Amino acid sequence: MEPTKNVNPAASDIEAFRQQPDDDAIIMLNLLRFNGEEGRWRYSEYAKVSGQEISERGGRVIYSGGNLVPQSAPWDSVALVYYPRRDAWLSMQDSEAYQAAIEDRTAGLSARLLYAFRSPTGLQSFDDIPSNDDREIAVVNLLRYRGDEGKAEYERYGQTASGLIRDTGGEVLLYLEADCALVTDGDWQNLILVRYPSLEDLLNMVQGETWKAADRDHRQKGMAATIAMPTKQHRPR
C-alpha cells in the first residue's frame, strides 16, 4: 500500500479531530518517509521545535524507531507521541513557532501517515517504551478488518499469536483504538506495538508451522488491510 503524498493535515481533518470528546489521552502515530538525506535533516530541524512545543503541553515521544525491513512497508521511521488531552495537540497548531517550523516538515517529507489513537480502557498515562537490549525490535501493526466477522477472525489469530510472542520472550507493548484520521491513505481501526527480543526471533516465529496455520486460517481471513513494520528504536545521541 503506497502512502499518501500529503504530509500536512487538511483544515477539515483538524476540525473533525477538534469535534471529538476531549476526555482521553491521545497517542499520535506518525509514519514518515523522508525526502532523501536532505529531507531527513530538514525534518530534524522541525523536530527540534515540535519537541519543545510538545513538552510544554505535557506531551512526549514515547517511542520512535527506524524501519528495519524496507520491503515490509514504504516508510522510513515511526514516532508515537503522547498528548495528555486532545487540546494539547490542537493548541500547538496555534503556536507561531510551531507554524514557522512546518515549512521544514513539508520540505523534509515525501509522504506521511498521521493518525490519532487512544486506549480502549481509558488509560490516561503512558510510560516511555525503553529498549533493554541492542537486539530488541518493535513491530508496528496497523489493522483494518473485514467487518465484525473479520475482527473476530483476527482475535482468533491473536489467541495463538500472543502465546507464540510470549514464547519468543516478546510482549505486546500497546493496544490502541483509532480515534481520528488526520493524514492517511485509508481508515484504520487498531494499532498494536509488539516487542521481540530480536528480528531473528520474529522471523523464526512467522516461519513456524503454528504461526503459518493461524495466519492462513484466521489472520488473512480477518484483514482488509494491514501495515506491519519491524523497527529498531532510535537512541538519544
C-alpha atoms as a PDB file:
ATOM      1  CA  MET A   1       0.000   0.000   0.000  1.00  0.00           C
ATOM      2  CA  GLU A   2       1.513   3.292  -1.134  1.00  0.00           C
ATOM      3  CA  PRO A   3       1.465   6.055   1.474  1.00  0.00           C
ATOM      4  CA  THR A   4      -0.316   9.308   0.915  1.00  0.00           C
ATOM      5  CA  LYS A   5       1.782  12.066  -0.618  1.00  0.00           C
ATOM      6  CA  ASN A   6       0.110  14.590   1.677  1.00  0.00           C
ATOM      7  CA  VAL A   7       2.236  15.474   4.680  1.00  0.00           C
ATOM      8  CA  ASN A   8       0.061  18.094   6.398  1.00  0.00           C
ATOM      9  CA  PRO A   9      -3.482  17.634   7.705  1.00  0.00           C
ATOM     10  CA  ALA A  10      -6.283  19.492   5.926  1.00  0.00           C
ATOM     11  CA  ALA A  11      -8.243  22.093   7.864  1.00  0.00           C
ATOM     12  CA  SER A  12     -11.322  19.859   7.645  1.00  0.00           C
ATOM     13  CA  ASP A  13      -9.454  16.947   9.263  1.00  0.00           C
ATOM     14  CA  ILE A  14      -8.202  19.167  12.092  1.00  0.00           C
ATOM     15  CA  GLU A  15     -11.775  20.345  12.636  1.00  0.00           C
ATOM     16  CA  ALA A  16     -13.020  16.727  12.718  1.00  0.00           C
ATOM     17  CA  PHE A  17     -10.367  15.978  15.356  1.00  0.00           C
ATOM     18  CA  ARG A  18     -11.452  19.050  17.341  1.00  0.00           C
ATOM     19  CA  GLN A  19     -15.060  17.872  17.423  1.00  0.00           C
ATOM     20  CA  GLN A  20     -14.237  14.600  19.222  1.00  0.00           C
ATOM     21  CA  PRO A  21     -14.734  14.493  23.035  1.00  0.00           C
ATOM     22  CA  ASP A  22     -11.638  15.720  24.879  1.00  0.00           C
ATOM     23  CA  ASP A  23     -11.779  13.163  27.686  1.00  0.00           C
ATOM     24  CA  ASP A  24      -8.853  10.814  26.957  1.00  0.00           C
ATOM     25  CA  ALA A  25      -5.145  10.945  26.412  1.00  0.00           C
ATOM     26  CA  ILE A  26      -4.144  10.696  22.749  1.00  0.00           C
ATOM     27  CA  ILE A  27      -1.325   8.768  21.108  1.00  0.00           C
ATOM     28  CA  MET A  28      -0.492  10.299  17.738  1.00  0.00           C
ATOM     29  CA  LEU A  29       1.006   7.843  15.248  1.00  0.00           C
ATOM     30  CA  ASN A  30       3.447   9.354  12.762  1.00  0.00           C
ATOM     31  CA  LEU A  31       4.717   7.195   9.906  1.00  0.00           C
ATOM     32  CA  LEU A  32       7.323   9.125   7.934  1.00  0.00           C
ATOM     33  CA  ARG A  33       9.034   8.832   4.573  1.00  0.00           C
ATOM     34  CA  PHE A  34      11.870  11.302   4.173  1.00  0.00           C
ATOM     35  CA  ASN A  35      12.691  13.280   1.073  1.00  0.00           C
ATOM     36  CA  GLY A  36      16.240  11.917   0.856  1.00  0.00           C
ATOM     37  CA  GLU A  37      19.042  12.774   3.259  1.00  0.00           C
ATOM     38  CA  GLU A  38      18.402  16.493   2.898  1.00  0.00           C
ATOM     39  CA  GLY A  39      14.785  15.820   3.814  1.00  0.00           C
ATOM     40  CA  ARG A  40      15.824  13.859   6.875  1.00  0.00           C
ATOM     41  CA  TRP A  41      17.865  16.856   8.028  1.00  0.00           C
ATOM     42  CA  ARG A  42      15.008  19.294   7.343  1.00  0.00           C
ATOM     43  CA  TYR A  43      12.643  17.125   9.363  1.00  0.00           C
ATOM     44  CA  SER A  44      15.151  17.016  12.240  1.00  0.00           C
ATOM     45  CA  GLU A  45      15.077  20.828  12.277  1.00  0.00           C
ATOM     46  CA  TYR A  46      11.293  20.715  12.535  1.00  0.00           C
ATOM     47  CA  ALA A  47      11.542  18.093  15.284  1.00  0.00           C
ATOM     48  CA  LYS A  48      13.671  20.402  17.435  1.00  0.00           C
ATOM     49  CA  VAL A  49      10.820  22.903  17.513  1.00  0.00           C
ATOM     50  CA  SER A  50       7.953  20.423  17.733  1.00  0.00           C
ATOM     51  CA  GLY A  51       9.679  18.520  20.546  1.00  0.00           C
ATOM     52  CA  GLN A  52       9.814  21.674  22.655  1.00  0.00           C
ATOM     53  CA  GLU A  53       6.204  22.550  21.839  1.00  0.00           C
ATOM     54  CA  ILE A  54       5.029  19.035  22.737  1.00  0.00           C
ATOM     55  CA  SER A  55       6.935  19.092  26.032  1.00  0.00           C
ATOM     56  CA  GLU A  56       5.452  22.457  27.016  1.00  0.00           C
ATOM     57  CA  ARG A  57       1.989  20.887  26.736  1.00  0.00           C
ATOM     58  CA  GLY A  58       2.780  17.842  28.853  1.00  0.00           C
ATOM     59  CA  GLY A  59       3.382  15.513  25.919  1.00  0.00           C
ATOM     60  CA  ARG A  60       6.386  13.476  24.843  1.00  0.00           C
ATOM     61  CA  VAL A  61       7.575  10.940  22.303  1.00  0.00           C
ATOM     62  CA  ILE A  62       7.064   7.528  23.923  1.00  0.00           C
ATOM     63  CA  TYR A  63       8.595   5.550  21.051  1.00  0.00           C
ATOM     64  CA  SER A  64      10.471   6.261  17.839  1.00  0.00           C
ATOM     65  CA  GLY A  65      12.244   3.857  15.550  1.00  0.00           C
ATOM     66  CA  GLY A  66      13.548   3.226  12.054  1.00  0.00           C
ATOM     67  CA  ASN A  67      12.209   0.677   9.580  1.00  0.00           C
ATOM     68  CA  LEU A  68      14.384  -2.464   9.692  1.00  0.00           C
ATOM     69  CA  VAL A  69      12.806  -4.149   6.675  1.00  0.00           C
ATOM     70  CA  PRO A  70      12.084  -1.505   3.991  1.00  0.00           C
ATOM     71  CA  GLN A  71      10.261  -4.035   1.809  1.00  0.00           C
ATOM     72  CA  SER A  72       7.740  -4.596   4.643  1.00  0.00           C
ATOM     73  CA  ALA A  73       6.300  -1.057   4.396  1.00  0.00           C
ATOM     74  CA  PRO A  74       7.183   2.087   2.376  1.00  0.00           C
ATOM     75  CA  TRP A  75       8.161   4.127   5.431  1.00  0.00           C
ATOM     76  CA  ASP A  76      11.484   5.183   6.924  1.00  0.00           C
ATOM     77  CA  SER A  77      10.525   5.899  10.514  1.00  0.00           C
ATOM     78  CA  VAL A  78       7.780   5.851  13.144  1.00  0.00           C
ATOM     79  CA  ALA A  79       7.082   8.114  16.116  1.00  0.00           C
ATOM     80  CA  LEU A  80       4.394   7.617  18.757  1.00  0.00           C
ATOM     81  CA  VAL A  81       3.652  10.862  20.588  1.00  0.00           C
ATOM     82  CA  TYR A  82       1.660  11.103  23.812  1.00  0.00           C
ATOM     83  CA  TYR A  83      -0.615  14.102  24.452  1.00  0.00           C
ATOM     84  CA  PRO A  84      -2.448  14.300  27.793  1.00  0.00           C
ATOM     85  CA  ARG A  85      -5.526  15.697  26.044  1.00  0.00           C
ATOM     86  CA  ARG A  86      -6.746  16.453  22.529  1.00  0.00           C
ATOM     87  CA  ASP A  87      -6.474  20.174  23.248  1.00  0.00           C
ATOM     88  CA  ALA A  88      -2.710  19.856  23.772  1.00  0.00           C
ATOM     89  CA  TRP A  89      -2.238  18.916  20.109  1.00  0.00           C
ATOM     90  CA  LEU A  90      -4.781  21.488  18.938  1.00  0.00           C
ATOM     91  CA  SER A  91      -3.220  24.347  20.882  1.00  0.00           C
ATOM     92  CA  MET A  92       0.151  23.513  19.352  1.00  0.00           C
ATOM     93  CA  GLN A  93      -1.307  24.215  15.899  1.00  0.00           C
ATOM     94  CA  ASP A  94      -1.856  27.826  17.010  1.00  0.00           C
ATOM     95  CA  SER A  95       1.754  28.353  18.113  1.00  0.00           C
ATOM     96  CA  GLU A  96       3.698  30.792  15.930  1.00  0.00           C
ATOM     97  CA  ALA A  97       6.946  28.879  16.486  1.00  0.00           C
ATOM     98  CA  TYR A  98       5.304  25.617  15.517  1.00  0.00           C
ATOM     99  CA  GLN A  99       3.674  27.095  12.432  1.00  0.00           C
ATOM    100  CA  ALA A 100       7.029  28.509  11.321  1.00  0.00           C
ATOM    101  CA  ALA A 101       8.614  25.056  11.609  1.00  0.00           C
ATOM    102  CA  ILE A 102       6.032  23.381   9.354  1.00  0.00           C
ATOM    103  CA  GLU A 103       7.989  24.583   6.310  1.00  0.00           C
ATOM    104  CA  ASP A 104      10.842  22.277   7.334  1.00  0.00           C
ATOM    105  CA  ARG A 105       8.448  19.365   7.884  1.00  0.00           C
ATOM    106  CA  THR A 106       6.832  19.866   4.487  1.00  0.00           C
ATOM    107  CA  ALA A 107      10.199  20.007   2.720  1.00  0.00           C
ATOM    108  CA  GLY A 108      11.556  17.099   4.716  1.00  0.00           C
ATOM    109  CA  LEU A 109       8.871  14.519   3.959  1.00  0.00           C
ATOM    110  CA  SER A 110       7.797  12.855   0.741  1.00  0.00           C
ATOM    111  CA  ALA A 111       4.923  11.036   2.486  1.00  0.00           C
ATOM    112  CA  ARG A 112       3.310  10.784   5.905  1.00  0.00           C
ATOM    113  CA  LEU A 113       0.605   8.969   7.840  1.00  0.00           C
ATOM    114  CA  LEU A 114      -0.792  10.809  10.877  1.00  0.00           C
ATOM    115  CA  TYR A 115      -3.482   9.099  12.949  1.00  0.00           C
ATOM    116  CA  ALA A 116      -4.763   9.647  16.468  1.00  0.00           C
ATOM    117  CA  PHE A 117      -5.313   6.629  18.735  1.00  0.00           C
ATOM    118  CA  ARG A 118      -6.468   6.158  22.327  1.00  0.00           C
ATOM    119  CA  SER A 119      -6.629   3.422  24.916  1.00  0.00           C
ATOM    120  CA  PRO A 120      -9.768   1.230  24.779  1.00  0.00           C
ATOM    121  CA  THR A 121      -9.754   1.209  28.600  1.00  0.00           C
ATOM    122  CA  GLY A 122      -9.455   4.985  29.019  1.00  0.00           C
ATOM    123  CA  LEU A 123      -5.833   4.801  30.174  1.00  0.00           C
ATOM    124  CA  GLN A 124      -4.638   8.362  30.787  1.00  0.00           C
ATOM    125  CA  SER A 125      -0.897   7.866  31.258  1.00  0.00           C
ATOM    126  CA  PHE A 126       1.550   6.030  29.028  1.00  0.00           C
ATOM    127  CA  ASP A 127       5.090   5.092  30.022  1.00  0.00           C
ATOM    128  CA  ASP A 128       8.015   5.661  27.706  1.00  0.00           C
ATOM    129  CA  ILE A 129       8.970   2.450  25.915  1.00  0.00           C
ATOM    130  CA  PRO A 130      12.558   1.549  26.831  1.00  0.00           C
ATOM    131  CA  SER A 131      14.848  -0.699  24.820  1.00  0.00           C
ATOM    132  CA  ASN A 132      16.607  -3.127  27.128  1.00  0.00           C
ATOM    133  CA  ASP A 133      18.889  -4.733  24.550  1.00  0.00           C
ATOM    134  CA  ASP A 134      20.532  -3.614  21.312  1.00  0.00           C
ATOM    135  CA  ARG A 135      18.986  -6.596  19.518  1.00  0.00           C
ATOM    136  CA  GLU A 136      15.396  -5.776  20.511  1.00  0.00           C
ATOM    137  CA  ILE A 137      12.884  -4.703  17.884  1.00  0.00           C
ATOM    138  CA  ALA A 138       9.300  -3.458  17.965  1.00  0.00           C
ATOM    139  CA  VAL A 139       6.760  -4.217  15.235  1.00  0.00           C
ATOM    140  CA  VAL A 140       4.207  -1.525  14.420  1.00  0.00           C
ATOM    141  CA  ASN A 141       0.929  -3.193  13.375  1.00  0.00           C
ATOM    142  CA  LEU A 142      -1.866  -1.107  11.826  1.00  0.00           C
ATOM    143  CA  LEU A 143      -5.087  -3.080  11.317  1.00  0.00           C
ATOM    144  CA  ARG A 144      -8.251  -2.749   9.255  1.00  0.00           C
ATOM    145  CA  TYR A 145     -10.748  -5.611   9.489  1.00  0.00           C
ATOM    146  CA  ARG A 146     -13.272  -7.178   7.126  1.00  0.00           C
ATOM    147  CA  GLY A 147     -16.191  -6.057   9.242  1.00  0.00           C
ATOM    148  CA  ASP A 148     -17.149  -7.539  12.614  1.00  0.00           C
ATOM    149  CA  GLU A 149     -16.522 -11.112  11.500  1.00  0.00           C
ATOM    150  CA  GLY A 150     -13.097 -10.099  10.248  1.00  0.00           C
ATOM    151  CA  LYS A 151     -12.270  -8.655  13.640  1.00  0.00           C
ATOM    152  CA  ALA A 152     -13.449 -11.881  15.286  1.00  0.00           C
ATOM    153  CA  GLU A 153     -11.179 -13.860  12.953  1.00  0.00           C
ATOM    154  CA  TYR A 154      -8.237 -11.634  13.873  1.00  0.00           C
ATOM    155  CA  GLU A 155      -8.965 -12.162  17.559  1.00  0.00           C
ATOM    156  CA  ARG A 156      -8.827 -15.933  16.969  1.00  0.00           C
ATOM    157  CA  TYR A 157      -5.459 -15.426  15.326  1.00  0.00           C
ATOM    158  CA  GLY A 158      -4.393 -13.290  18.287  1.00  0.00           C
ATOM    159  CA  GLN A 159      -5.103 -16.105  20.735  1.00  0.00           C
ATOM    160  CA  THR A 160      -2.426 -18.175  19.021  1.00  0.00           C
ATOM    161  CA  ALA A 161      -0.066 -15.311  18.224  1.00  0.00           C
ATOM    162  CA  SER A 162       0.013 -13.989  21.788  1.00  0.00           C
ATOM    163  CA  GLY A 163       1.301 -17.343  23.034  1.00  0.00           C
ATOM    164  CA  LEU A 164       3.920 -17.505  20.291  1.00  0.00           C
ATOM    165  CA  ILE A 165       5.059 -13.953  21.094  1.00  0.00           C
ATOM    166  CA  ARG A 166       5.484 -14.880  24.763  1.00  0.00           C
ATOM    167  CA  ASP A 167       7.428 -17.988  23.755  1.00  0.00           C
ATOM    168  CA  THR A 168       9.963 -15.772  21.966  1.00  0.00           C
ATOM    169  CA  GLY A 169      10.344 -13.646  25.089  1.00  0.00           C
ATOM    170  CA  GLY A 170       8.378 -10.818  23.496  1.00  0.00           C
ATOM    171  CA  GLU A 171       5.338  -8.868  24.650  1.00  0.00           C
ATOM    172  CA  VAL A 172       2.539  -6.615  23.439  1.00  0.00           C
ATOM    173  CA  LEU A 173       3.514  -3.084  24.469  1.00  0.00           C
ATOM    174  CA  LEU A 174       0.477  -1.130  23.230  1.00  0.00           C
ATOM    175  CA  TYR A 175      -3.024  -1.982  22.059  1.00  0.00           C
ATOM    176  CA  LEU A 176      -4.880   1.137  20.916  1.00  0.00           C
ATOM    177  CA  GLU A 177      -8.146   2.016  19.197  1.00  0.00           C
ATOM    178  CA  ALA A 178      -8.469   4.512  16.369  1.00  0.00           C
ATOM    179  CA  ASP A 179      -9.680   7.973  17.340  1.00  0.00           C
ATOM    180  CA  CYS A 180      -9.398  10.226  14.285  1.00  0.00           C
ATOM    181  CA  ALA A 181      -7.622  10.276  10.897  1.00  0.00           C
ATOM    182  CA  LEU A 182      -5.533  13.345  10.097  1.00  0.00           C
ATOM    183  CA  VAL A 183      -3.265  12.350   7.186  1.00  0.00           C
ATOM    184  CA  THR A 184      -3.912   8.872   5.826  1.00  0.00           C
ATOM    185  CA  ASP A 185      -4.371   6.579   2.843  1.00  0.00           C
ATOM    186  CA  GLY A 186      -7.436   4.996   4.459  1.00  0.00           C
ATOM    187  CA  ASP A 187      -9.221   4.237   7.695  1.00  0.00           C
ATOM    188  CA  TRP A 188      -7.526   2.169  10.404  1.00  0.00           C
ATOM    189  CA  GLN A 189      -9.054   0.519  13.457  1.00  0.00           C
ATOM    190  CA  ASN A 190      -6.276  -0.651  15.769  1.00  0.00           C
ATOM    191  CA  LEU A 191      -2.608  -0.008  16.461  1.00  0.00           C
ATOM    192  CA  ILE A 192      -0.634  -2.770  18.158  1.00  0.00           C
ATOM    193  CA  LEU A 193       3.038  -2.413  19.102  1.00  0.00           C
ATOM    194  CA  VAL A 194       4.825  -5.696  19.832  1.00  0.00           C
ATOM    195  CA  ARG A 195       8.335  -6.145  21.202  1.00  0.00           C
ATOM    196  CA  TYR A 196      10.542  -9.102  20.193  1.00  0.00           C
ATOM    197  CA  PRO A 197      13.988  -9.933  21.579  1.00  0.00           C
ATOM    198  CA  SER A 198      15.410  -9.780  18.053  1.00  0.00           C
ATOM    199  CA  LEU A 199      14.489  -9.725  14.378  1.00  0.00           C
ATOM    200  CA  GLU A 200      15.659 -13.328  14.195  1.00  0.00           C
ATOM    201  CA  ASP A 201      13.117 -14.312  16.865  1.00  0.00           C
ATOM    202  CA  LEU A 202      10.324 -12.664  14.856  1.00  0.00           C
ATOM    203  CA  LEU A 203      11.392 -14.369  11.627  1.00  0.00           C
ATOM    204  CA  ASN A 204      11.646 -17.762  13.333  1.00  0.00           C
ATOM    205  CA  MET A 205       8.132 -17.307  14.734  1.00  0.00           C
ATOM    206  CA  VAL A 206       6.494 -16.442  11.395  1.00  0.00           C
ATOM    207  CA  GLN A 207       8.310 -19.295   9.650  1.00  0.00           C
ATOM    208  CA  GLY A 208       6.914 -21.836  12.123  1.00  0.00           C
ATOM    209  CA  GLU A 209       4.000 -24.090  11.202  1.00  0.00           C
ATOM    210  CA  THR A 210       1.851 -22.940  14.142  1.00  0.00           C
ATOM    211  CA  TRP A 211       2.022 -19.305  13.087  1.00  0.00           C
ATOM    212  CA  LYS A 212       1.507 -20.136   9.422  1.00  0.00           C
ATOM    213  CA  ALA A 213      -1.667 -22.078  10.234  1.00  0.00           C
ATOM    214  CA  ALA A 214      -3.056 -19.217  12.364  1.00  0.00           C
ATOM    215  CA  ASP A 215      -2.178 -16.742   9.644  1.00  0.00           C
ATOM    216  CA  ARG A 216      -3.867 -18.803   6.934  1.00  0.00           C
ATOM    217  CA  ASP A 217      -6.944 -19.834   8.906  1.00  0.00           C
ATOM    218  CA  HIS A 218      -7.673 -16.577  10.722  1.00  0.00           C
ATOM    219  CA  ARG A 219      -5.424 -13.565  10.125  1.00  0.00           C
ATOM    220  CA  GLN A 220      -5.698 -13.438   6.346  1.00  0.00           C
ATOM    221  CA  LYS A 221      -9.452 -14.002   6.516  1.00  0.00           C
ATOM    222  CA  GLY A 222      -9.851 -11.185   9.017  1.00  0.00           C
ATOM    223  CA  MET A 223      -7.750  -8.440   7.499  1.00  0.00           C
ATOM    224  CA  ALA A 224      -8.918  -5.955   4.877  1.00  0.00           C
ATOM    225  CA  ALA A 225      -5.566  -4.149   5.080  1.00  0.00           C
ATOM    226  CA  THR A 226      -2.561  -4.053   7.351  1.00  0.00           C
ATOM    227  CA  ILE A 227       0.825  -2.428   7.844  1.00  0.00           C
ATOM    228  CA  ALA A 228       3.359  -4.499   9.784  1.00  0.00           C
ATOM    229  CA  MET A 229       6.679  -2.696  10.156  1.00  0.00           C
ATOM    230  CA  PRO A 230       9.605  -4.048  12.204  1.00  0.00           C
ATOM    231  CA  THR A 231      11.501  -1.138  13.734  1.00  0.00           C
ATOM    232  CA  LYS A 232      14.687  -0.517  15.677  1.00  0.00           C
ATOM    233  CA  GLN A 233      14.340   2.047  18.434  1.00  0.00           C
ATOM    234  CA  HIS A 234      16.147   5.327  17.943  1.00  0.00           C
ATOM    235  CA  ARG A 235      18.534   6.012  20.795  1.00  0.00           C
ATOM    236  CA  PRO A 236      19.285   9.528  22.065  1.00  0.00           C
ATOM    237  CA  ARG A 237      22.534  10.945  20.758  1.00  0.00           C
END
